[in-house]
Amino acid sequence: MTHWAIFEDSNMTKSEILQISSPDDAHTCAFEFVPHKERPREIYIRFDGVRIAARGTRLATGEPGWVPLVEGYEVTDEAALMTK
């Protein structure tokens, strides 16, 4: 039987969070890059600390965009808003 041990450096983070809301705002909004913003494998939008959307391919259209993770929230790209 093989045993595997996983060691985690306490200085290593699993994600990097970039706040995009002002500290004075009633709610917080941030981008979360996994593992970091230089080469992210995954990107999320966090609202009040909850992941509400992930960057990916939308099933309905097959186009890249924000995929909602929580019902009731919709995240769109600014470029998409300009074309409407």
Protein backbone atom coordinates (compact mmCIF):
# COMPACT_ATOMS: atom_id res chain seq x y z
CA MET A 1 0.00 0.00 0.00
CA THR A 2 1.33 3.44 -0.96
CA HIS A 3 0.78 6.42 1.29
CA TRP A 4 0.89 9.93 -0.10
CA ALA A 5 1.51 12.97 2.03
CA ILE A 6 0.53 16.42 0.85
CA PHE A 7 2.42 19.30 2.40
CA GLU A 8 1.17 22.83 2.01
CA ASP A 9 3.46 25.79 2.51
CA SER A 10 1.72 28.30 4.74
CA ASN A 11 2.94 31.11 2.44
CA MET A 12 1.31 29.54 -0.62
CA THR A 13 -2.16 30.75 -1.49
CA LYS A 14 -4.67 28.81 -3.53
CA SER A 15 -6.08 31.95 -5.14
CA GLU A 16 -5.46 35.65 -5.53
CA ILE A 17 -8.28 38.10 -4.90
CA LEU A 18 -8.41 41.55 -6.50
CA GLN A 19 -10.98 43.87 -4.90
CA ILE A 20 -12.88 46.00 -7.42
CA SER A 21 -15.22 47.70 -4.97
CA SER A 22 -14.44 50.67 -2.76
CA PRO A 23 -13.93 50.06 0.97
CA ASP A 24 -16.80 52.54 1.52
CA ASP A 25 -19.28 50.44 -0.48
CA ALA A 26 -22.01 48.55 1.38
CA HIS A 27 -21.17 45.39 -0.62
CA THR A 28 -17.86 43.92 -1.72
CA CYS A 29 -17.04 42.81 -5.25
CA ALA A 30 -13.82 41.13 -6.37
CA PHE A 31 -12.15 39.03 -9.03
CA GLU A 32 -10.70 35.73 -7.80
CA PHE A 33 -7.87 34.22 -9.84
CA VAL A 34 -6.93 30.58 -9.26
CA PRO A 35 -4.05 30.07 -8.58
CA HIS A 36 -2.92 33.68 -9.35
CA LYS A 37 -3.65 36.52 -11.77
CA GLU A 38 -0.52 36.07 -13.91
CA ARG A 39 -1.59 32.62 -15.18
CA PRO A 40 -5.10 31.87 -13.95
CA ARG A 41 -6.68 28.48 -14.59
CA GLU A 42 -10.01 29.75 -13.28
CA ILE A 43 -11.50 33.22 -12.76
CA TYR A 44 -14.48 33.98 -10.53
CA ILE A 45 -16.52 37.06 -9.59
CA ARG A 46 -17.10 37.25 -5.83
CA PHE A 47 -19.94 39.34 -4.40
CA ASP A 48 -19.97 39.73 -0.61
CA GLY A 49 -17.46 36.84 -0.42
CA VAL A 50 -19.59 34.42 -2.46
CA ARG A 51 -18.58 33.16 -5.92
CA ILE A 52 -21.45 34.25 -8.15
CA ALA A 53 -19.96 33.67 -11.62
CA ALA A 54 -17.10 31.83 -13.31
CA ARG A 55 -15.34 32.60 -16.57
CA GLY A 56 -16.09 29.82 -19.04
CA THR A 57 -18.21 28.75 -21.98
CA ARG A 58 -21.93 29.44 -21.75
CA LEU A 59 -23.91 26.30 -22.54
CA ALA A 60 -26.77 28.18 -24.20
CA THR A 61 -24.62 29.97 -26.78
CA GLY A 62 -21.31 28.12 -26.79
CA GLU A 63 -19.61 31.52 -26.51
CA PRO A 64 -17.02 32.43 -23.88
CA GLY A 65 -18.37 34.57 -21.06
CA TRP A 66 -19.44 34.59 -17.44
CA VAL A 67 -21.31 31.50 -16.29
CA PRO A 68 -23.66 32.18 -13.35
CA LEU A 69 -23.06 30.06 -10.26
CA VAL A 70 -25.81 31.57 -8.09
CA GLU A 71 -29.37 32.03 -9.27
CA GLY A 72 -30.46 35.64 -9.49
CA TYR A 73 -27.09 37.09 -10.55
CA GLU A 74 -25.95 37.88 -14.07
CA VAL A 75 -22.44 39.08 -14.98
CA THR A 76 -21.76 40.50 -18.44
CA ASP A 77 -18.68 41.85 -20.18
CA GLU A 78 -18.60 45.59 -20.78
CA ALA A 79 -17.98 44.98 -24.49
CA ALA A 80 -21.16 42.88 -24.62
CA LEU A 81 -23.15 45.77 -23.14
CA MET A 82 -21.82 48.18 -25.77
CA THR A 83 -23.07 46.02 -28.65
CA LYS A 84 -26.68 45.91 -27.41
